[in-house]
Every structure is written in C-alpha cells, then in structure tokens.
Amino acid sequence: MELRKLHRAGINNATNSVTAVAVLFATVAFAAIFTVPGGDNDNGMAVVISKTSFKIFILFNATALFTSLAVVVVQITVVRGELKSERRVVEVINKLTWLAAVCNTISFIFSSNIISGGGRNL
C-alpha cells in the first residue's frame, strides 16, 4: 500500500512538472508570434514574410504553441484513478513536451537566422 502511495505521488509530481514546462513553452511560443523576427512594415505585415526561414519559424513556432497547449489541456482534463492508464498518459505527454521543446528550439534557430541576416537565401 505504501508503494502505491509513493507511485501515485511520483506520477502527480511528474504531471505537475510537465504541465509547468508546457505552460512555459506555450508562453514563449505565444510571445514570439507577436514579436515577429525582422520586424513589420507600416501595414503590419512581417518584413521577411517571403523568406523561407520566416515560414519555417512560423511553422515550428505554431507547432510548439499548439503542442504545448495540448499537453496542458490533456493534463487538466485527464481523469485520475487507474495507475496503468495514468502512466501511459504521462508517457504520451512527455513525448509531446519533447516535441514542443524541439519545435521551440528550431523556431528560435530560424528567428535568430532572420534577425542576424544570416543565410541570405533562406
């Protein structure tokens, strides 16, 4: 019985930690949408909208945002009770969180490329 309580506490701690990280990823991705790399012109359009690196940035930033939000929504709405199903949910959530981390990293790399003017052809 004590082992089961420890296991439940471990799953709850993992769930809380992953949810906090997912919220941080979502916050960064959301903020990046409104602070467009390269700036915008007088009519509000991104200056670098036609560059491939900007399109890649938008794609991965949006993926990071929606994946992170999916993690948070699933964590909030998941029904607790059965340990085996909770473990499976934690496994899936961890993979989605890693996907959000990778997408955030890729979007950061391409936004840095846009800002620094590197890779003129990108």
PDB file of N, CA and C in Angstrom:
ATOM      1  N   MET A   1       0.819  -1.194   0.000  1.00  0.00           N
ATOM      2  CA  MET A   1       0.000   0.000   0.000  1.00  0.00           C
ATOM      3  C   MET A   1       0.866   1.262   0.000  1.00  0.00           C
ATOM      4  N   GLU A   2       1.939   1.238   0.784  1.00  0.00           N
ATOM      5  CA  GLU A   2       2.845   2.391   0.846  1.00  0.00           C
ATOM      6  C   GLU A   2       3.515   2.636  -0.508  1.00  0.00           C
ATOM      7  N   LEU A   3       3.865   1.551  -1.192  1.00  0.00           N
ATOM      8  CA  LEU A   3       4.480   1.657  -2.510  1.00  0.00           C
ATOM      9  C   LEU A   3       3.522   2.302  -3.516  1.00  0.00           C
ATOM     10  N   ARG A   4       2.260   1.957  -3.409  1.00  0.00           N
ATOM     11  CA  ARG A   4       1.250   2.541  -4.301  1.00  0.00           C
ATOM     12  C   ARG A   4       1.106   4.045  -4.061  1.00  0.00           C
ATOM     13  N   LYS A   5       1.168   4.472  -2.803  1.00  0.00           N
ATOM     14  CA  LYS A   5       1.094   5.908  -2.483  1.00  0.00           C
ATOM     15  C   LYS A   5       2.304   6.644  -3.040  1.00  0.00           C
ATOM     16  N   LEU A   6       3.478   6.027  -2.897  1.00  0.00           N
ATOM     17  CA  LEU A   6       4.690   6.642  -3.443  1.00  0.00           C
ATOM     18  C   LEU A   6       4.609   6.754  -4.967  1.00  0.00           C
ATOM     19  N   HIS A   7       4.079   5.715  -5.590  1.00  0.00           N
ATOM     20  CA  HIS A   7       3.945   5.717  -7.042  1.00  0.00           C
ATOM     21  C   HIS A   7       2.982   6.816  -7.489  1.00  0.00           C
ATOM     22  N   ARG A   8       1.860   6.940  -6.814  1.00  0.00           N
ATOM     23  CA  ARG A   8       0.880   7.980  -7.137  1.00  0.00           C
ATOM     24  C   ARG A   8       1.487   9.366  -6.939  1.00  0.00           C
ATOM     25  N   ALA A   9       2.245   9.539  -5.858  1.00  0.00           N
ATOM     26  CA  ALA A   9       2.891  10.833  -5.615  1.00  0.00           C
ATOM     27  C   ALA A   9       3.898  11.137  -6.724  1.00  0.00           C
ATOM     28  N   GLY A  10       4.625  10.120  -7.169  1.00  0.00           N
ATOM     29  CA  GLY A  10       5.581  10.313  -8.256  1.00  0.00           C
ATOM     30  C   GLY A  10       4.899  10.720  -9.550  1.00  0.00           C
ATOM     31  N   ILE A  11       3.786  10.071  -9.866  1.00  0.00           N
ATOM     32  CA  ILE A  11       3.038  10.427 -11.086  1.00  0.00           C
ATOM     33  C   ILE A  11       2.490  11.843 -10.978  1.00  0.00           C
ATOM     34  N   ASN A  12       1.981  12.208  -9.807  1.00  0.00           N
ATOM     35  CA  ASN A  12       1.460  13.568  -9.620  1.00  0.00           C
ATOM     36  C   ASN A  12       2.562  14.608  -9.758  1.00  0.00           C
ATOM     37  N   ASN A  13       3.745  14.331  -9.203  1.00  0.00           N
ATOM     38  CA  ASN A  13       4.862  15.263  -9.330  1.00  0.00           C
ATOM     39  C   ASN A  13       5.295  15.408 -10.779  1.00  0.00           C
ATOM     40  N   ALA A  14       5.370  14.282 -11.493  1.00  0.00           N
ATOM     41  CA  ALA A  14       5.746  14.326 -12.907  1.00  0.00           C
ATOM     42  C   ALA A  14       4.714  15.111 -13.714  1.00  0.00           C
ATOM     43  N   THR A  15       3.450  14.885 -13.430  1.00  0.00           N
ATOM     44  CA  THR A  15       2.376  15.590 -14.125  1.00  0.00           C
ATOM     45  C   THR A  15       2.461  17.089 -13.892  1.00  0.00           C
ATOM     46  N   ASN A  16       2.663  17.490 -12.656  1.00  0.00           N
ATOM     47  CA  ASN A  16       2.768  18.915 -12.329  1.00  0.00           C
ATOM     48  C   ASN A  16       3.984  19.552 -12.990  1.00  0.00           C
ATOM     49  N   SER A  17       5.102  18.857 -12.988  1.00  0.00           N
ATOM     50  CA  SER A  17       6.320  19.395 -13.599  1.00  0.00           C
ATOM     51  C   SER A  17       6.156  19.556 -15.107  1.00  0.00           C
ATOM     52  N   VAL A  18       5.615  18.538 -15.752  1.00  0.00           N
ATOM     53  CA  VAL A  18       5.436  18.596 -17.206  1.00  0.00           C
ATOM     54  C   VAL A  18       4.436  19.689 -17.579  1.00  0.00           C
ATOM     55  N   THR A  19       3.405  19.849 -16.802  1.00  0.00           N
ATOM     56  CA  THR A  19       2.424  20.901 -17.071  1.00  0.00           C
ATOM     57  C   THR A  19       3.064  22.280 -16.956  1.00  0.00           C
ATOM     58  N   ALA A  20       3.881  22.486 -15.937  1.00  0.00           N
ATOM     59  CA  ALA A  20       4.564  23.774 -15.764  1.00  0.00           C
ATOM     60  C   ALA A  20       5.497  24.059 -16.944  1.00  0.00           C
ATOM     61  N   VAL A  21       6.228  23.061 -17.378  1.00  0.00           N
ATOM     62  CA  VAL A  21       7.135  23.231 -18.523  1.00  0.00           C
ATOM     63  C   VAL A  21       6.341  23.525 -19.790  1.00  0.00           C
ATOM     64  N   ALA A  22       5.236  22.825 -19.992  1.00  0.00           N
ATOM     65  CA  ALA A  22       4.404  23.048 -21.177  1.00  0.00           C
ATOM     66  C   ALA A  22       3.835  24.471 -21.188  1.00  0.00           C
ATOM     67  N   VAL A  23       3.455  24.973 -20.036  1.00  0.00           N
ATOM     68  CA  VAL A  23       2.953  26.348 -19.955  1.00  0.00           C
ATOM     69  C   VAL A  23       4.061  27.338 -20.322  1.00  0.00           C
ATOM     70  N   LEU A  24       5.276  27.073 -19.877  1.00  0.00           N
ATOM     71  CA  LEU A  24       6.395  27.953 -20.229  1.00  0.00           C
ATOM     72  C   LEU A  24       6.677  27.918 -21.732  1.00  0.00           C
ATOM     73  N   PHE A  25       6.668  26.732 -22.322  1.00  0.00           N
ATOM     74  CA  PHE A  25       6.860  26.627 -23.773  1.00  0.00           C
ATOM     75  C   PHE A  25       5.766  27.381 -24.523  1.00  0.00           C
ATOM     76  N   ALA A  26       4.530  27.216 -24.086  1.00  0.00           N
ATOM     77  CA  ALA A  26       3.412  27.905 -24.735  1.00  0.00           C
ATOM     78  C   ALA A  26       3.550  29.421 -24.607  1.00  0.00           C
ATOM     79  N   THR A  27       4.017  29.892 -23.465  1.00  0.00           N
ATOM     80  CA  THR A  27       4.210  31.322 -23.245  1.00  0.00           C
ATOM     81  C   THR A  27       5.256  31.880 -24.198  1.00  0.00           C
ATOM     82  N   VAL A  28       6.364  31.182 -24.331  1.00  0.00           N
ATOM     83  CA  VAL A  28       7.433  31.626 -25.235  1.00  0.00           C
ATOM     84  C   VAL A  28       6.940  31.635 -26.680  1.00  0.00           C
ATOM     85  N   ALA A  29       6.265  30.577 -27.092  1.00  0.00           N
ATOM     86  CA  ALA A  29       5.768  30.493 -28.469  1.00  0.00           C
ATOM     87  C   ALA A  29       4.717  31.566 -28.742  1.00  0.00           C
ATOM     88  N   PHE A  30       3.858  31.816 -27.778  1.00  0.00           N
ATOM     89  CA  PHE A  30       2.826  32.839 -27.940  1.00  0.00           C
ATOM     90  C   PHE A  30       3.458  34.219 -28.066  1.00  0.00           C
ATOM     91  N   ALA A  31       4.435  34.518 -27.222  1.00  0.00           N
ATOM     92  CA  ALA A  31       5.111  35.817 -27.277  1.00  0.00           C
ATOM     93  C   ALA A  31       5.847  35.999 -28.603  1.00  0.00           C
ATOM     94  N   ALA A  32       6.404  34.919 -29.134  1.00  0.00           N
ATOM     95  CA  ALA A  32       7.151  35.012 -30.395  1.00  0.00           C
ATOM     96  C   ALA A  32       6.246  35.360 -31.570  1.00  0.00           C
ATOM     97  N   ILE A  33       4.978  35.019 -31.479  1.00  0.00           N
ATOM     98  CA  ILE A  33       4.039  35.348 -32.553  1.00  0.00           C
ATOM     99  C   ILE A  33       3.895  36.866 -32.684  1.00  0.00           C
ATOM    100  N   PHE A  34       3.882  37.564 -31.557  1.00  0.00           N
ATOM    101  CA  PHE A  34       3.624  39.000 -31.573  1.00  0.00           C
ATOM    102  C   PHE A  34       4.885  39.853 -31.657  1.00  0.00           C
ATOM    103  N   THR A  35       6.035  39.252 -31.455  1.00  0.00           N
ATOM    104  CA  THR A  35       7.298  39.960 -31.649  1.00  0.00           C
ATOM    105  C   THR A  35       7.989  39.327 -32.852  1.00  0.00           C
ATOM    106  N   VAL A  36       7.465  39.611 -34.012  1.00  0.00           N
ATOM    107  CA  VAL A  36       7.885  38.981 -35.256  1.00  0.00           C
ATOM    108  C   VAL A  36       9.355  39.271 -35.521  1.00  0.00           C
ATOM    109  N   PRO A  37      10.145  38.210 -35.758  1.00  0.00           N
ATOM    110  CA  PRO A  37      11.556  38.444 -36.067  1.00  0.00           C
ATOM    111  C   PRO A  37      11.703  39.229 -37.368  1.00  0.00           C
ATOM    112  N   GLY A  38      12.577  40.208 -37.364  1.00  0.00           N
ATOM    113  CA  GLY A  38      12.764  41.047 -38.541  1.00  0.00           C
ATOM    114  C   GLY A  38      11.868  42.267 -38.548  1.00  0.00           C
ATOM    115  N   GLY A  39      10.905  42.329 -37.633  1.00  0.00           N
ATOM    116  CA  GLY A  39      10.012  43.476 -37.539  1.00  0.00           C
ATOM    117  C   GLY A  39       8.886  43.438 -38.558  1.00  0.00           C
ATOM    118  N   ASP A  40       8.086  44.509 -38.557  1.00  0.00           N
ATOM    119  CA  ASP A  40       6.984  44.599 -39.511  1.00  0.00           C
ATOM    120  C   ASP A  40       7.000  45.980 -40.176  1.00  0.00           C
ATOM    121  N   ASN A  41       6.294  46.077 -41.295  1.00  0.00           N
ATOM    122  CA  ASN A  41       6.255  47.357 -42.005  1.00  0.00           C
ATOM    123  C   ASN A  41       5.052  48.175 -41.560  1.00  0.00           C
ATOM    124  N   ASP A  42       4.763  49.249 -42.254  1.00  0.00           N
ATOM    125  CA  ASP A  42       3.708  50.176 -41.834  1.00  0.00           C
ATOM    126  C   ASP A  42       2.310  49.562 -41.816  1.00  0.00           C
ATOM    127  N   ASN A  43       2.070  48.559 -42.660  1.00  0.00           N
ATOM    128  CA  ASN A  43       0.728  47.959 -42.683  1.00  0.00           C
ATOM    129  C   ASN A  43       0.622  46.722 -41.796  1.00  0.00           C
ATOM    130  N   GLY A  44       1.649  46.455 -40.983  1.00  0.00           N
ATOM    131  CA  GLY A  44       1.596  45.364 -40.016  1.00  0.00           C
ATOM    132  C   GLY A  44       2.080  44.020 -40.526  1.00  0.00           C
ATOM    133  N   MET A  45       2.477  43.927 -41.774  1.00  0.00           N
ATOM    134  CA  MET A  45       2.989  42.667 -42.333  1.00  0.00           C
ATOM    135  C   MET A  45       4.457  42.503 -41.969  1.00  0.00           C
ATOM    136  N   ALA A  46       4.851  41.261 -41.762  1.00  0.00           N
ATOM    137  CA  ALA A  46       6.251  40.975 -41.453  1.00  0.00           C
ATOM    138  C   ALA A  46       7.126  41.366 -42.645  1.00  0.00           C
ATOM    139  N   VAL A  47       8.246  41.992 -42.362  1.00  0.00           N
ATOM    140  CA  VAL A  47       9.164  42.428 -43.407  1.00  0.00           C
ATOM    141  C   VAL A  47       9.727  41.226 -44.159  1.00  0.00           C
ATOM    142  N   VAL A  48       9.964  40.140 -43.448  1.00  0.00           N
ATOM    143  CA  VAL A  48      10.616  38.959 -44.042  1.00  0.00           C
ATOM    144  C   VAL A  48       9.608  37.854 -44.363  1.00  0.00           C
ATOM    145  N   ILE A  49       8.371  38.214 -44.623  1.00  0.00           N
ATOM    146  CA  ILE A  49       7.317  37.219 -44.805  1.00  0.00           C
ATOM    147  C   ILE A  49       7.583  36.273 -45.973  1.00  0.00           C
ATOM    148  N   SER A  50       8.321  36.716 -46.963  1.00  0.00           N
ATOM    149  CA  SER A  50       8.564  35.868 -48.128  1.00  0.00           C
ATOM    150  C   SER A  50       9.784  34.966 -47.964  1.00  0.00           C
ATOM    151  N   LYS A  51      10.553  35.143 -46.898  1.00  0.00           N
ATOM    152  CA  LYS A  51      11.753  34.316 -46.696  1.00  0.00           C
ATOM    153  C   LYS A  51      11.371  32.926 -46.194  1.00  0.00           C
ATOM    154  N   THR A  52      12.079  31.933 -46.666  1.00  0.00           N
ATOM    155  CA  THR A  52      11.843  30.548 -46.245  1.00  0.00           C
ATOM    156  C   THR A  52      12.080  30.387 -44.753  1.00  0.00           C
ATOM    157  N   SER A  53      13.106  31.060 -44.230  1.00  0.00           N
ATOM    158  CA  SER A  53      13.400  30.930 -42.798  1.00  0.00           C
ATOM    159  C   SER A  53      12.250  31.457 -41.947  1.00  0.00           C
ATOM    160  N   PHE A  54      11.546  32.486 -42.415  1.00  0.00           N
ATOM    161  CA  PHE A  54      10.395  33.002 -41.674  1.00  0.00           C
ATOM    162  C   PHE A  54       9.243  31.991 -41.695  1.00  0.00           C
ATOM    163  N   LYS A  55       9.034  31.368 -42.832  1.00  0.00           N
ATOM    164  CA  LYS A  55       7.966  30.365 -42.942  1.00  0.00           C
ATOM    165  C   LYS A  55       8.260  29.158 -42.045  1.00  0.00           C
ATOM    166  N   ILE A  56       9.520  28.758 -42.002  1.00  0.00           N
ATOM    167  CA  ILE A  56       9.909  27.652 -41.115  1.00  0.00           C
ATOM    168  C   ILE A  56       9.720  28.056 -39.660  1.00  0.00           C
ATOM    169  N   PHE A  57      10.099  29.296 -39.328  1.00  0.00           N
ATOM    170  CA  PHE A  57       9.898  29.816 -37.972  1.00  0.00           C
ATOM    171  C   PHE A  57       8.423  29.741 -37.584  1.00  0.00           C
ATOM    172  N   ILE A  58       7.551  30.229 -38.458  1.00  0.00           N
ATOM    173  CA  ILE A  58       6.112  30.236 -38.162  1.00  0.00           C
ATOM    174  C   ILE A  58       5.586  28.816 -37.991  1.00  0.00           C
ATOM    175  N   LEU A  59       5.988  27.906 -38.862  1.00  0.00           N
ATOM    176  CA  LEU A  59       5.534  26.519 -38.793  1.00  0.00           C
ATOM    177  C   LEU A  59       5.924  25.873 -37.464  1.00  0.00           C
ATOM    178  N   PHE A  60       7.186  25.979 -37.096  1.00  0.00           N
ATOM    179  CA  PHE A  60       7.640  25.329 -35.866  1.00  0.00           C
ATOM    180  C   PHE A  60       7.166  26.059 -34.621  1.00  0.00           C
ATOM    181  N   ASN A  61       7.039  27.361 -34.691  1.00  0.00           N
ATOM    182  CA  ASN A  61       6.523  28.105 -33.541  1.00  0.00           C
ATOM    183  C   ASN A  61       5.064  27.743 -33.277  1.00  0.00           C
ATOM    184  N   ALA A  62       4.266  27.649 -34.342  1.00  0.00           N
ATOM    185  CA  ALA A  62       2.861  27.263 -34.181  1.00  0.00           C
ATOM    186  C   ALA A  62       2.747  25.834 -33.659  1.00  0.00           C
ATOM    187  N   THR A  63       3.595  24.939 -34.167  1.00  0.00           N
ATOM    188  CA  THR A  63       3.583  23.557 -33.678  1.00  0.00           C
ATOM    189  C   THR A  63       3.926  23.508 -32.197  1.00  0.00           C
ATOM    190  N   ALA A  64       4.929  24.279 -31.790  1.00  0.00           N
ATOM    191  CA  ALA A  64       5.310  24.326 -30.375  1.00  0.00           C
ATOM    192  C   ALA A  64       4.165  24.862 -29.522  1.00  0.00           C
ATOM    193  N   LEU A  65       3.519  25.909 -29.998  1.00  0.00           N
ATOM    194  CA  LEU A  65       2.409  26.501 -29.239  1.00  0.00           C
ATOM    195  C   LEU A  65       1.263  25.513 -29.067  1.00  0.00           C
ATOM    196  N   PHE A  66       0.804  24.921 -30.155  1.00  0.00           N
ATOM    197  CA  PHE A  66      -0.362  24.050 -30.068  1.00  0.00           C
ATOM    198  C   PHE A  66      -0.053  22.717 -29.383  1.00  0.00           C
ATOM    199  N   THR A  67       1.166  22.225 -29.531  1.00  0.00           N
ATOM    200  CA  THR A  67       1.546  21.008 -28.808  1.00  0.00           C
ATOM    201  C   THR A  67       1.591  21.272 -27.310  1.00  0.00           C
ATOM    202  N   SER A  68       2.170  22.396 -26.935  1.00  0.00           N
ATOM    203  CA  SER A  68       2.228  22.752 -25.512  1.00  0.00           C
ATOM    204  C   SER A  68       0.838  22.932 -24.925  1.00  0.00           C
ATOM    205  N   LEU A  69      -0.019  23.601 -25.669  1.00  0.00           N
ATOM    206  CA  LEU A  69      -1.392  23.785 -25.178  1.00  0.00           C
ATOM    207  C   LEU A  69      -2.134  22.457 -25.083  1.00  0.00           C
ATOM    208  N   ALA A  70      -1.865  21.544 -26.015  1.00  0.00           N
ATOM    209  CA  ALA A  70      -2.483  20.215 -25.946  1.00  0.00           C
ATOM    210  C   ALA A  70      -2.044  19.487 -24.689  1.00  0.00           C
ATOM    211  N   VAL A  71      -0.772  19.603 -24.341  1.00  0.00           N
ATOM    212  CA  VAL A  71      -0.264  18.979 -23.117  1.00  0.00           C
ATOM    213  C   VAL A  71      -1.004  19.524 -21.905  1.00  0.00           C
ATOM    214  N   VAL A  72      -1.145  20.833 -21.850  1.00  0.00           N
ATOM    215  CA  VAL A  72      -1.819  21.450 -20.699  1.00  0.00           C
ATOM    216  C   VAL A  72      -3.280  21.011 -20.630  1.00  0.00           C
ATOM    217  N   VAL A  73      -3.975  21.017 -21.757  1.00  0.00           N
ATOM    218  CA  VAL A  73      -5.397  20.641 -21.765  1.00  0.00           C
ATOM    219  C   VAL A  73      -5.567  19.179 -21.348  1.00  0.00           C
ATOM    220  N   VAL A  74      -4.718  18.306 -21.880  1.00  0.00           N
ATOM    221  CA  VAL A  74      -4.821  16.887 -21.511  1.00  0.00           C
ATOM    222  C   VAL A  74      -4.542  16.707 -20.025  1.00  0.00           C
ATOM    223  N   GLN A  75      -3.547  17.386 -19.505  1.00  0.00           N
ATOM    224  CA  GLN A  75      -3.218  17.251 -18.091  1.00  0.00           C
ATOM    225  C   GLN A  75      -4.351  17.748 -17.196  1.00  0.00           C
ATOM    226  N   ILE A  76      -5.023  18.776 -17.640  1.00  0.00           N
ATOM    227  CA  ILE A  76      -6.117  19.327 -16.837  1.00  0.00           C
ATOM    228  C   ILE A  76      -7.346  18.422 -16.887  1.00  0.00           C
ATOM    229  N   THR A  77      -7.609  17.827 -18.050  1.00  0.00           N
ATOM    230  CA  THR A  77      -8.851  17.081 -18.211  1.00  0.00           C
ATOM    231  C   THR A  77      -8.736  15.589 -17.969  1.00  0.00           C
ATOM    232  N   VAL A  78      -7.529  15.074 -17.807  1.00  0.00           N
ATOM    233  CA  VAL A  78      -7.375  13.628 -17.639  1.00  0.00           C
ATOM    234  C   VAL A  78      -8.006  13.185 -16.307  1.00  0.00           C
ATOM    235  N   VAL A  79      -8.660  12.063 -16.349  1.00  0.00           N
ATOM    236  CA  VAL A  79      -9.312  11.512 -15.161  1.00  0.00           C
ATOM    237  C   VAL A  79      -8.298  10.665 -14.406  1.00  0.00           C
ATOM    238  N   ARG A  80      -8.124  10.959 -13.167  1.00  0.00           N
ATOM    239  CA  ARG A  80      -7.166  10.230 -12.344  1.00  0.00           C
ATOM    240  C   ARG A  80      -7.833   8.990 -11.753  1.00  0.00           C
ATOM    241  N   GLY A  81      -7.023   7.989 -11.460  1.00  0.00           N
ATOM    242  CA  GLY A  81      -7.575   6.823 -10.799  1.00  0.00           C
ATOM    243  C   GLY A  81      -6.822   5.553 -11.095  1.00  0.00           C
ATOM    244  N   GLU A  82      -6.717   5.187 -12.351  1.00  0.00           N
ATOM    245  CA  GLU A  82      -6.073   3.930 -12.694  1.00  0.00           C
ATOM    246  C   GLU A  82      -4.599   4.197 -13.018  1.00  0.00           C
ATOM    247  N   LEU A  83      -3.719   3.540 -12.281  1.00  0.00           N
ATOM    248  CA  LEU A  83      -2.292   3.816 -12.404  1.00  0.00           C
ATOM    249  C   LEU A  83      -1.741   3.471 -13.784  1.00  0.00           C
ATOM    250  N   LYS A  84      -2.186   2.364 -14.355  1.00  0.00           N
ATOM    251  CA  LYS A  84      -1.654   1.951 -15.647  1.00  0.00           C
ATOM    252  C   LYS A  84      -1.991   2.970 -16.738  1.00  0.00           C
ATOM    253  N   SER A  85      -3.220   3.462 -16.754  1.00  0.00           N
ATOM    254  CA  SER A  85      -3.599   4.455 -17.758  1.00  0.00           C
ATOM    255  C   SER A  85      -2.908   5.794 -17.497  1.00  0.00           C
ATOM    256  N   GLU A  86      -2.714   6.132 -16.231  1.00  0.00           N
ATOM    257  CA  GLU A  86      -2.007   7.366 -15.902  1.00  0.00           C
ATOM    258  C   GLU A  86      -0.567   7.307 -16.372  1.00  0.00           C
ATOM    259  N   ARG A  87       0.061   6.161 -16.220  1.00  0.00           N
ATOM    260  CA  ARG A  87       1.440   6.002 -16.704  1.00  0.00           C
ATOM    261  C   ARG A  87       1.503   6.197 -18.204  1.00  0.00           C
ATOM    262  N   ARG A  88       0.531   5.646 -18.906  1.00  0.00           N
ATOM    263  CA  ARG A  88       0.504   5.787 -20.369  1.00  0.00           C
ATOM    264  C   ARG A  88       0.297   7.245 -20.765  1.00  0.00           C
ATOM    265  N   VAL A  89      -0.575   7.944 -20.066  1.00  0.00           N
ATOM    266  CA  VAL A  89      -0.800   9.363 -20.343  1.00  0.00           C
ATOM    267  C   VAL A  89       0.483  10.148 -20.099  1.00  0.00           C
ATOM    268  N   VAL A  90       1.189   9.855 -19.017  1.00  0.00           N
ATOM    269  CA  VAL A  90       2.444  10.543 -18.712  1.00  0.00           C
ATOM    270  C   VAL A  90       3.464  10.285 -19.818  1.00  0.00           C
ATOM    271  N   GLU A  91       3.524   9.065 -20.336  1.00  0.00           N
ATOM    272  CA  GLU A  91       4.449   8.758 -21.436  1.00  0.00           C
ATOM    273  C   GLU A  91       4.130   9.600 -22.672  1.00  0.00           C
ATOM    274  N   VAL A  92       2.862   9.668 -23.037  1.00  0.00           N
ATOM    275  CA  VAL A  92       2.458  10.432 -24.215  1.00  0.00           C
ATOM    276  C   VAL A  92       2.711  11.920 -23.999  1.00  0.00           C
ATOM    277  N   ILE A  93       2.371  12.409 -22.825  1.00  0.00           N
ATOM    278  CA  ILE A  93       2.558  13.825 -22.506  1.00  0.00           C
ATOM    279  C   ILE A  93       4.039  14.189 -22.544  1.00  0.00           C
ATOM    280  N   ASN A  94       4.888  13.313 -22.030  1.00  0.00           N
ATOM    281  CA  ASN A  94       6.330  13.583 -22.070  1.00  0.00           C
ATOM    282  C   ASN A  94       6.823  13.683 -23.509  1.00  0.00           C
ATOM    283  N   LYS A  95       6.340  12.814 -24.386  1.00  0.00           N
ATOM    284  CA  LYS A  95       6.740  12.869 -25.797  1.00  0.00           C
ATOM    285  C   LYS A  95       6.251  14.158 -26.451  1.00  0.00           C
ATOM    286  N   LEU A  96       5.028  14.566 -26.150  1.00  0.00           N
ATOM    287  CA  LEU A  96       4.521  15.818 -26.703  1.00  0.00           C
ATOM    288  C   LEU A  96       5.309  17.014 -26.187  1.00  0.00           C
ATOM    289  N   THR A  97       5.713  16.964 -24.931  1.00  0.00           N
ATOM    290  CA  THR A  97       6.507  18.051 -24.363  1.00  0.00           C
ATOM    291  C   THR A  97       7.869  18.124 -25.040  1.00  0.00           C
ATOM    292  N   TRP A  98       8.477  16.976 -25.310  1.00  0.00           N
ATOM    293  CA  TRP A  98       9.742  16.961 -26.043  1.00  0.00           C
ATOM    294  C   TRP A  98       9.554  17.525 -27.442  1.00  0.00           C
ATOM    295  N   LEU A  99       8.447  17.191 -28.093  1.00  0.00           N
ATOM    296  CA  LEU A  99       8.163  17.743 -29.414  1.00  0.00           C
ATOM    297  C   LEU A  99       8.058  19.263 -29.348  1.00  0.00           C
ATOM    298  N   ALA A 100       7.378  19.777 -28.336  1.00  0.00           N
ATOM    299  CA  ALA A 100       7.265  21.224 -28.163  1.00  0.00           C
ATOM    300  C   ALA A 100       8.635  21.852 -27.926  1.00  0.00           C
ATOM    301  N   ALA A 101       9.483  21.183 -27.151  1.00  0.00           N
ATOM    302  CA  ALA A 101      10.835  21.701 -26.892  1.00  0.00           C
ATOM    303  C   ALA A 101      11.646  21.765 -28.176  1.00  0.00           C
ATOM    304  N   VAL A 102      11.572  20.716 -28.980  1.00  0.00           N
ATOM    305  CA  VAL A 102      12.321  20.688 -30.251  1.00  0.00           C
ATOM    306  C   VAL A 102      11.792  21.772 -31.188  1.00  0.00           C
ATOM    307  N   CYS A 103      10.487  21.917 -31.274  1.00  0.00           N
ATOM    308  CA  CYS A 103       9.902  22.941 -32.149  1.00  0.00           C
ATOM    309  C   CYS A 103      10.263  24.345 -31.687  1.00  0.00           C
ATOM    310  N   ASN A 104      10.256  24.581 -30.380  1.00  0.00           N
ATOM    311  CA  ASN A 104      10.691  25.880 -29.855  1.00  0.00           C
ATOM    312  C   ASN A 104      12.137  26.150 -30.219  1.00  0.00           C
ATOM    313  N   THR A 105      12.974  25.132 -30.106  1.00  0.00           N
ATOM    314  CA  THR A 105      14.391  25.291 -30.429  1.00  0.00           C
ATOM    315  C   THR A 105      14.582  25.613 -31.911  1.00  0.00           C
ATOM    316  N   ILE A 106      13.893  24.881 -32.773  1.00  0.00           N
ATOM    317  CA  ILE A 106      14.021  25.124 -34.214  1.00  0.00           C
ATOM    318  C   ILE A 106      13.501  26.515 -34.571  1.00  0.00           C
ATOM    319  N   SER A 107      12.384  26.917 -33.995  1.00  0.00           N
ATOM    320  CA  SER A 107      11.866  28.255 -34.305  1.00  0.00           C
ATOM    321  C   SER A 107      12.812  29.333 -33.790  1.00  0.00           C
ATOM    322  N   PHE A 108      13.466  29.101 -32.655  1.00  0.00           N
ATOM    323  CA  PHE A 108      14.450  30.057 -32.148  1.00  0.00           C
ATOM    324  C   PHE A 108      15.641  30.154 -33.094  1.00  0.00           C
ATOM    325  N   ILE A 109      16.104  29.007 -33.600  1.00  0.00           N
ATOM    326  CA  ILE A 109      17.242  29.000 -34.529  1.00  0.00           C
ATOM    327  C   ILE A 109      16.901  29.803 -35.784  1.00  0.00           C
ATOM    328  N   PHE A 110      15.711  29.602 -36.328  1.00  0.00           N
ATOM    329  CA  PHE A 110      15.352  30.315 -37.549  1.00  0.00           C
ATOM    330  C   PHE A 110      15.042  31.783 -37.288  1.00  0.00           C
ATOM    331  N   SER A 111      14.520  32.113 -36.123  1.00  0.00           N
ATOM    332  CA  SER A 111      14.323  33.534 -35.826  1.00  0.00           C
ATOM    333  C   SER A 111      15.666  34.217 -35.634  1.00  0.00           C
ATOM    334  N   SER A 112      16.632  33.518 -35.047  1.00  0.00           N
ATOM    335  CA  SER A 112      17.988  34.074 -34.921  1.00  0.00           C
ATOM    336  C   SER A 112      18.604  34.280 -36.300  1.00  0.00           C
ATOM    337  N   ASN A 113      18.340  33.350 -37.207  1.00  0.00           N
ATOM    338  CA  ASN A 113      18.837  33.484 -38.569  1.00  0.00           C
ATOM    339  C   ASN A 113      18.239  34.714 -39.244  1.00  0.00           C
ATOM    340  N   ILE A 114      16.970  34.954 -39.012  1.00  0.00           N
ATOM    341  CA  ILE A 114      16.300  36.115 -39.608  1.00  0.00           C
ATOM    342  C   ILE A 114      16.874  37.407 -39.042  1.00  0.00           C
ATOM    343  N   ILE A 115      17.009  37.451 -37.721  1.00  0.00           N
ATOM    344  CA  ILE A 115      17.463  38.672 -37.065  1.00  0.00           C
ATOM    345  C   ILE A 115      18.907  38.996 -37.421  1.00  0.00           C
ATOM    346  N   SER A 116      19.744  37.965 -37.471  1.00  0.00           N
ATOM    347  CA  SER A 116      21.168  38.213 -37.748  1.00  0.00           C
ATOM    348  C   SER A 116      21.443  38.438 -39.228  1.00  0.00           C
ATOM    349  N   GLY A 117      20.460  38.162 -40.081  1.00  0.00           N
ATOM    350  CA  GLY A 117      20.655  38.346 -41.514  1.00  0.00           C
ATOM    351  C   GLY A 117      21.467  37.234 -42.139  1.00  0.00           C
ATOM    352  N   GLY A 118      21.720  36.169 -41.381  1.00  0.00           N
ATOM    353  CA  GLY A 118      22.494  35.057 -41.896  1.00  0.00           C
ATOM    354  C   GLY A 118      21.697  34.266 -42.906  1.00  0.00           C
ATOM    355  N   GLY A 119      22.389  33.558 -43.766  1.00  0.00           N
ATOM    356  CA  GLY A 119      21.726  32.719 -44.773  1.00  0.00           C
ATOM    357  C   GLY A 119      20.807  33.529 -45.662  1.00  0.00           C
ATOM    358  N   ARG A 120      21.348  34.462 -46.384  1.00  0.00           N
ATOM    359  CA  ARG A 120      20.549  35.368 -47.220  1.00  0.00           C
ATOM    360  C   ARG A 120      19.562  34.635 -48.112  1.00  0.00           C
ATOM    361  N   ASN A 121      19.897  33.411 -48.512  1.00  0.00           N
ATOM    362  CA  ASN A 121      18.999  32.663 -49.391  1.00  0.00           C
ATOM    363  C   ASN A 121      17.872  31.991 -48.641  1.00  0.00           C
ATOM    364  N   LEU A 122      17.998  31.884 -47.311  1.00  0.00           N
ATOM    365  CA  LEU A 122      16.935  31.275 -46.529  1.00  0.00           C
ATOM    366  C   LEU A 122      15.879  32.318 -46.279  1.00  0.00           C
TER     367      LEU A 122
END
